[in-house]
Amino acid sequence: MILLTGGTGFIGRVLTRQLVETGHQVRILLRPSLRTPRLPTGVPVEVAVTSLSDVQGLRAAMRGVETIYHLAGGEGEGGRANLQTVDIDGTRALCEAAADARVGRLFYLSHLGAGRAAGFPVLKAKGIAEEYVRKSGVPYTILRGSVLFGPGDEFTTGLAMLLTAAPGFLPLPAKGETLLQPLWVEDLVTCLIWALDNPETLNQTYDLGGSEYISLRQMTEIIMEVTGQRRRLVNWPTQSMRALTIIMESIFPRFPASIFWLDYLAVNRTCPVDTITRIFGLMPSRFASRLDYLRNVPWTRQLLRRLFTRYG
């Protein structure tokens, strides 16, 4: 049995589908909520309803579990996220429960640049969580992913919505020069699954990115081309964009850009381009070749739906 945290999220839904397709039994950890969970459609899975802070609930969810994929994180809730509760305390509790249950393998999905000394809250929280994973006593594999893209992501769909909302121009932080290494979500999930049968990945940490370095400006231009939304790209000081984002998040909690999003774009997010090919034998997809999901989308409707839908 494989247990997933964050199984209803962008990455979790893809991972669940691929695991079930390859013959694995999957149990998704769901936090208690009044809203209907976004479980993968047409995919048979078990469900355990408990939070990462519920020790007894976690122990019950571990019954029969051999492997855990820990994908859950708080950053998706933007400015209202509690990284201490979800990413740090939640990971610690999960690791303790996994050790008590003698789970055979723990996968943790982190970010490029994560570390206790990182200057940005999300990367610092991920770095602390990584330490709990390494000290848990459970055999682990940590994958630090670059910016991910695919249907339902936060990055490319967020940019498409920002282009829709932009009044003829779109401001970019850091002059749009930040280098990114976009990774197709299906490629990341393939690495997560292939690592399961590769003993050489035990107790290892890998930095994973796509096959090319692309600046934020270049990525935005590609998205404009795909979506047919032409805007003038202008350079804004990062502090001004941070202030504007704080204001917009206070009005619209699900605004397509968040403070954490700006933090991630503050410095280059890259790693060696050959890691996935060398370790996992997979050639990552190129960014521009996987964006069909952005075509022919009613972006104005999507933006309004996002702005006026509350978090669960």
Protein backbone atom coordinates (compact mmCIF):
# COMPACT_ATOMS: atom_id res chain seq x y z
CA MET A 1 0.00 0.00 0.00
CA ILE A 2 1.23 3.49 -0.89
CA LEU A 3 0.11 6.51 1.14
CA LEU A 4 -0.01 9.96 -0.48
CA THR A 5 -0.22 13.30 1.25
CA GLY A 6 -1.26 16.12 -1.05
CA GLY A 7 -2.91 13.53 -3.26
CA THR A 8 -5.67 15.88 -4.42
CA GLY A 9 -3.25 18.59 -5.55
CA PHE A 10 -1.73 19.34 -8.94
CA ILE A 11 1.11 16.81 -8.60
CA GLY A 12 -0.77 14.37 -6.42
CA ARG A 13 -3.54 13.73 -8.95
CA VAL A 14 -0.98 12.90 -11.64
CA LEU A 15 1.03 10.68 -9.30
CA THR A 16 -2.10 8.84 -8.13
CA ARG A 17 -3.15 8.12 -11.70
CA GLN A 18 0.28 6.84 -12.71
CA LEU A 19 0.65 4.69 -9.58
CA VAL A 20 -2.73 3.03 -10.09
CA GLU A 21 -1.99 2.50 -13.80
CA THR A 22 1.22 0.68 -12.85
CA GLY A 23 -0.65 -1.66 -10.48
CA HIS A 24 -0.08 -0.04 -7.09
CA GLN A 25 -2.66 0.27 -4.34
CA VAL A 26 -3.00 3.88 -3.24
CA ARG A 27 -4.40 5.49 -0.11
CA ILE A 28 -4.82 9.28 -0.12
CA LEU A 29 -4.56 11.24 3.11
CA LEU A 30 -7.34 13.85 3.15
CA ARG A 31 -7.53 16.64 5.67
CA PRO A 32 -11.01 17.19 7.16
CA SER A 33 -12.87 19.80 5.11
CA LEU A 34 -16.42 20.93 4.39
CA ARG A 35 -15.67 20.98 0.67
CA THR A 36 -15.77 17.97 -1.62
CA PRO A 37 -12.17 16.80 -2.22
CA ARG A 38 -10.78 16.90 -5.75
CA LEU A 39 -10.00 13.20 -5.96
CA PRO A 40 -8.69 11.87 -9.29
CA THR A 41 -11.70 10.86 -11.35
CA GLY A 42 -12.04 7.25 -12.47
CA VAL A 43 -9.12 6.09 -10.33
CA PRO A 44 -9.79 3.52 -7.55
CA VAL A 45 -8.14 4.68 -4.32
CA GLU A 46 -8.59 4.33 -0.59
CA VAL A 47 -9.07 7.45 1.54
CA ALA A 48 -7.94 8.22 5.09
CA VAL A 49 -9.45 11.40 6.53
CA THR A 50 -7.11 13.01 9.04
CA SER A 51 -4.84 16.01 9.38
CA LEU A 52 -1.07 16.00 9.68
CA SER A 53 -1.46 17.23 13.26
CA ASP A 54 -3.62 14.26 14.33
CA VAL A 55 -1.18 11.69 15.70
CA GLN A 56 -3.77 8.94 16.17
CA GLY A 57 -5.24 9.59 12.74
CA LEU A 58 -1.81 9.34 11.15
CA ARG A 59 -1.10 6.05 12.90
CA ALA A 60 -4.39 4.63 11.64
CA ALA A 61 -3.62 5.83 8.10
CA MET A 62 -0.26 3.99 8.21
CA ARG A 63 -1.78 0.52 8.56
CA GLY A 64 -0.41 -1.71 5.84
CA VAL A 65 1.58 1.13 4.27
CA GLU A 66 4.95 0.29 2.76
CA THR A 67 5.73 3.58 1.00
CA ILE A 68 4.80 7.22 1.57
CA TYR A 69 4.88 10.03 -0.97
CA HIS A 70 4.78 13.27 1.01
CA LEU A 71 3.65 16.04 -1.35
CA ALA A 72 1.55 18.19 0.99
CA GLY A 73 2.59 21.80 1.51
CA GLY A 74 0.97 25.02 2.63
CA GLU A 75 2.20 27.46 0.01
CA GLY A 76 -0.75 26.86 -2.32
CA GLU A 77 -2.92 28.88 0.07
CA GLY A 78 -0.89 32.01 -0.60
CA GLY A 79 -0.69 34.69 2.07
CA ARG A 80 -2.93 32.77 4.45
CA ALA A 81 -0.66 29.70 4.44
CA ASN A 82 0.71 28.36 7.70
CA LEU A 83 4.07 26.89 6.72
CA GLN A 84 4.97 26.09 10.32
CA THR A 85 1.87 23.93 10.82
CA VAL A 86 1.77 22.17 7.45
CA ASP A 87 5.32 21.97 6.11
CA ILE A 88 7.36 21.81 9.32
CA ASP A 89 5.19 20.40 12.11
CA GLY A 90 3.18 18.27 9.68
CA THR A 91 6.29 16.70 8.19
CA ARG A 92 7.73 16.02 11.64
CA ALA A 93 4.51 14.28 12.75
CA LEU A 94 4.34 12.26 9.54
CA CYS A 95 7.97 11.14 9.92
CA GLU A 96 7.41 10.07 13.52
CA ALA A 97 4.30 8.09 12.57
CA ALA A 98 6.13 6.50 9.63
CA ALA A 99 9.02 5.45 11.86
CA ASP A 100 6.64 3.97 14.45
CA ALA A 101 4.80 2.05 11.71
CA ARG A 102 8.12 0.81 10.24
CA VAL A 103 7.30 2.20 6.80
CA GLY A 104 9.85 1.01 4.28
CA ARG A 105 10.28 4.16 2.18
CA LEU A 106 9.50 7.87 2.39
CA PHE A 107 9.60 10.18 -0.61
CA TYR A 108 9.56 13.92 0.03
CA LEU A 109 9.00 16.54 -2.65
CA SER A 110 10.90 19.74 -1.93
CA HIS A 111 12.04 22.80 -3.92
CA LEU A 112 15.28 23.78 -5.59
CA GLY A 113 17.14 26.04 -3.18
CA ALA A 114 15.53 24.61 -0.05
CA GLY A 115 17.58 24.92 3.12
CA ARG A 116 17.36 26.00 6.75
CA ALA A 117 19.43 29.09 5.93
CA ALA A 118 17.33 30.07 2.89
CA GLY A 119 16.16 33.66 2.85
CA PHE A 120 12.62 32.89 1.71
CA PRO A 121 9.93 31.37 3.97
CA VAL A 122 8.87 28.50 1.70
CA LEU A 123 12.43 27.40 0.97
CA LYS A 124 13.35 27.67 4.65
CA ALA A 125 10.31 25.59 5.67
CA LYS A 126 11.11 22.96 3.04
CA GLY A 127 14.72 22.84 4.23
CA ILE A 128 13.68 22.23 7.83
CA ALA A 129 11.21 19.57 6.68
CA GLU A 130 14.00 17.86 4.74
CA GLU A 131 15.99 17.61 7.97
CA TYR A 132 13.12 15.81 9.69
CA VAL A 133 12.91 13.38 6.77
CA ARG A 134 16.65 12.62 6.91
CA LYS A 135 16.61 12.13 10.69
CA SER A 136 13.43 10.03 10.75
CA GLY A 137 15.18 6.68 10.49
CA VAL A 138 12.94 5.79 7.55
CA PRO A 139 14.75 5.12 4.24
CA TYR A 140 14.07 8.24 2.18
CA THR A 141 14.45 9.92 -1.18
CA ILE A 142 14.15 13.71 -1.46
CA LEU A 143 13.44 15.27 -4.84
CA ARG A 144 13.88 19.03 -5.12
CA GLY A 145 11.85 20.12 -8.10
CA SER A 146 12.14 23.26 -10.18
CA VAL A 147 9.06 25.20 -11.31
CA LEU A 148 6.51 22.67 -12.54
CA PHE A 149 4.04 23.04 -15.37
CA GLY A 150 1.07 21.08 -16.64
CA PRO A 151 -2.75 21.18 -16.68
CA GLY A 152 -4.01 22.75 -13.46
CA ASP A 153 -0.63 24.08 -12.34
CA GLU A 154 -0.12 27.35 -10.47
CA PHE A 155 2.60 28.75 -12.69
CA THR A 156 1.60 28.72 -16.35
CA THR A 157 -2.13 28.93 -15.69
CA GLY A 158 -1.44 31.67 -13.16
CA LEU A 159 0.52 33.62 -15.75
CA ALA A 160 -2.27 33.14 -18.29
CA MET A 161 -4.77 34.57 -15.78
CA LEU A 162 -2.47 37.48 -14.95
CA LEU A 163 -2.22 38.25 -18.66
CA THR A 164 -6.01 38.27 -18.81
CA ALA A 165 -6.22 40.69 -15.89
CA ALA A 166 -3.37 42.90 -17.11
CA PRO A 167 -4.42 46.40 -18.33
CA GLY A 168 -2.43 46.27 -21.56
CA PHE A 169 0.87 45.60 -19.80
CA LEU A 170 2.22 43.01 -17.38
CA PRO A 171 4.88 43.90 -14.81
CA LEU A 172 7.66 41.38 -14.27
CA PRO A 173 9.90 41.17 -11.20
CA ALA A 174 13.68 41.28 -11.49
CA LYS A 175 13.35 42.60 -15.06
CA GLY A 176 12.06 39.18 -16.07
CA GLU A 177 15.65 37.94 -16.16
CA THR A 178 15.32 35.22 -13.52
CA LEU A 179 16.36 31.91 -15.04
CA LEU A 180 14.01 28.97 -14.52
CA GLN A 181 14.16 25.34 -15.55
CA PRO A 182 10.51 24.36 -16.12
CA LEU A 183 9.78 20.68 -15.56
CA TRP A 184 6.76 18.88 -17.06
CA VAL A 185 4.75 17.41 -14.20
CA GLU A 186 4.46 14.01 -15.90
CA ASP A 187 8.27 13.82 -16.07
CA LEU A 188 8.61 14.58 -12.36
CA VAL A 189 6.01 11.94 -11.50
CA THR A 190 7.78 9.40 -13.69
CA CYS A 191 10.96 10.03 -11.67
CA LEU A 192 9.03 9.59 -8.41
CA ILE A 193 7.73 6.21 -9.56
CA TRP A 194 10.90 4.92 -11.19
CA ALA A 195 12.87 5.75 -8.04
CA LEU A 196 10.65 3.29 -6.18
CA ASP A 197 12.42 0.36 -7.88
CA ASN A 198 15.89 1.87 -7.89
CA PRO A 199 17.83 1.04 -4.68
CA GLU A 200 20.54 3.53 -5.65
CA THR A 201 18.14 6.37 -4.87
CA LEU A 202 17.79 5.34 -1.21
CA ASN A 203 18.80 8.07 1.26
CA GLN A 204 19.64 10.46 -1.56
CA THR A 205 18.62 14.03 -2.41
CA TYR A 206 18.26 15.09 -6.04
CA ASP A 207 17.83 18.50 -7.67
CA LEU A 208 15.56 18.07 -10.68
CA GLY A 209 14.78 20.47 -13.50
CA GLY A 210 13.80 20.44 -17.13
CA SER A 211 16.06 20.21 -20.16
CA GLU A 212 16.51 23.97 -20.71
CA TYR A 213 17.11 27.24 -18.91
CA ILE A 214 14.49 29.87 -19.78
CA SER A 215 14.08 33.37 -18.40
CA LEU A 216 10.76 34.45 -16.90
CA ARG A 217 10.37 36.94 -19.75
CA GLN A 218 10.88 34.23 -22.37
CA MET A 219 8.39 31.93 -20.63
CA THR A 220 5.81 34.72 -20.49
CA GLU A 221 6.31 35.49 -24.19
CA ILE A 222 5.77 31.82 -25.05
CA ILE A 223 2.58 31.73 -22.97
CA MET A 224 1.33 34.91 -24.66
CA GLU A 225 1.88 33.26 -28.03
CA VAL A 226 0.05 30.08 -27.02
CA THR A 227 -2.92 31.86 -25.41
CA GLY A 228 -3.15 34.65 -27.99
CA GLN A 229 -2.90 37.33 -25.29
CA ARG A 230 -0.53 40.11 -26.25
CA ARG A 231 0.65 42.42 -23.48
CA ARG A 232 3.59 44.75 -23.10
CA LEU A 233 6.04 43.32 -20.58
CA VAL A 234 7.44 45.99 -18.27
CA ASN A 235 10.02 45.92 -15.51
CA TRP A 236 8.85 46.73 -11.99
CA PRO A 237 10.92 46.84 -8.80
CA THR A 238 10.39 43.66 -6.82
CA GLN A 239 9.37 45.60 -3.71
CA SER A 240 6.64 47.41 -5.63
CA MET A 241 5.33 44.10 -6.96
CA ARG A 242 5.46 42.64 -3.47
CA ALA A 243 3.35 45.51 -2.11
CA LEU A 244 0.85 45.18 -4.98
CA THR A 245 0.62 41.41 -4.47
CA ILE A 246 -0.05 41.82 -0.74
CA ILE A 247 -2.89 44.22 -1.55
CA MET A 248 -4.39 41.93 -4.18
CA GLU A 249 -4.14 38.87 -1.91
CA SER A 250 -5.91 40.75 0.86
CA ILE A 251 -8.81 41.44 -1.52
CA PHE A 252 -8.72 38.17 -3.46
CA PRO A 253 -7.20 35.31 -1.38
CA ARG A 254 -6.85 33.19 -4.53
CA PHE A 255 -5.16 35.85 -6.65
CA PRO A 256 -3.05 34.06 -9.33
CA ALA A 257 0.22 35.42 -7.92
CA SER A 258 1.31 35.16 -4.28
CA ILE A 259 4.14 36.40 -2.09
CA PHE A 260 5.63 32.90 -2.21
CA TRP A 261 5.43 33.01 -6.00
CA LEU A 262 7.47 36.23 -6.02
CA ASP A 263 9.98 34.72 -3.59
CA TYR A 264 10.52 31.81 -5.93
CA LEU A 265 11.18 34.22 -8.81
CA ALA A 266 13.62 36.36 -6.85
CA VAL A 267 16.72 34.38 -7.87
CA ASN A 268 17.64 31.84 -10.52
CA ARG A 269 16.11 28.37 -9.96
CA THR A 270 18.29 25.99 -11.92
CA CYS A 271 20.32 22.80 -11.56
CA PRO A 272 22.36 20.63 -13.97
CA VAL A 273 20.22 19.82 -17.02
CA ASP A 274 21.45 16.23 -17.22
CA THR A 275 20.34 15.02 -13.76
CA ILE A 276 17.07 13.42 -14.83
CA THR A 277 18.67 11.78 -17.86
CA ARG A 278 21.68 10.58 -15.90
CA ILE A 279 19.84 9.27 -12.83
CA PHE A 280 16.48 8.22 -14.23
CA GLY A 281 17.21 7.62 -17.93
CA LEU A 282 14.51 10.08 -19.00
CA MET A 283 14.78 13.02 -21.39
CA PRO A 284 12.60 15.84 -19.96
CA SER A 285 10.06 17.50 -22.23
CA ARG A 286 10.78 20.95 -23.58
CA PHE A 287 8.63 23.75 -22.25
CA ALA A 288 7.09 25.01 -25.49
CA SER A 289 6.14 21.51 -26.65
CA ARG A 290 3.76 20.77 -23.74
CA LEU A 291 1.51 23.83 -23.55
CA ASP A 292 -1.51 22.71 -25.55
CA TYR A 293 -3.57 22.71 -22.35
CA LEU A 294 -3.37 26.53 -22.41
CA ARG A 295 -4.97 26.85 -25.85
CA ASN A 296 -8.62 27.74 -26.44
CA VAL A 297 -9.32 28.31 -22.73
CA PRO A 298 -11.88 30.95 -21.63
CA TRP A 299 -9.32 32.69 -19.44
CA THR A 300 -11.62 35.50 -18.31
CA ARG A 301 -14.09 32.94 -16.96
CA GLN A 302 -11.26 30.98 -15.35
CA LEU A 303 -9.90 34.10 -13.70
CA LEU A 304 -13.28 35.14 -12.29
CA ARG A 305 -13.96 31.63 -11.01
CA ARG A 306 -10.61 31.60 -9.22
CA LEU A 307 -10.96 35.06 -7.71
CA PHE A 308 -14.40 34.40 -6.29
CA THR A 309 -13.90 30.83 -5.04
CA ARG A 310 -12.82 30.45 -1.45
CA TYR A 311 -10.27 27.99 -0.13
CA GLY A 312 -11.58 24.82 1.51
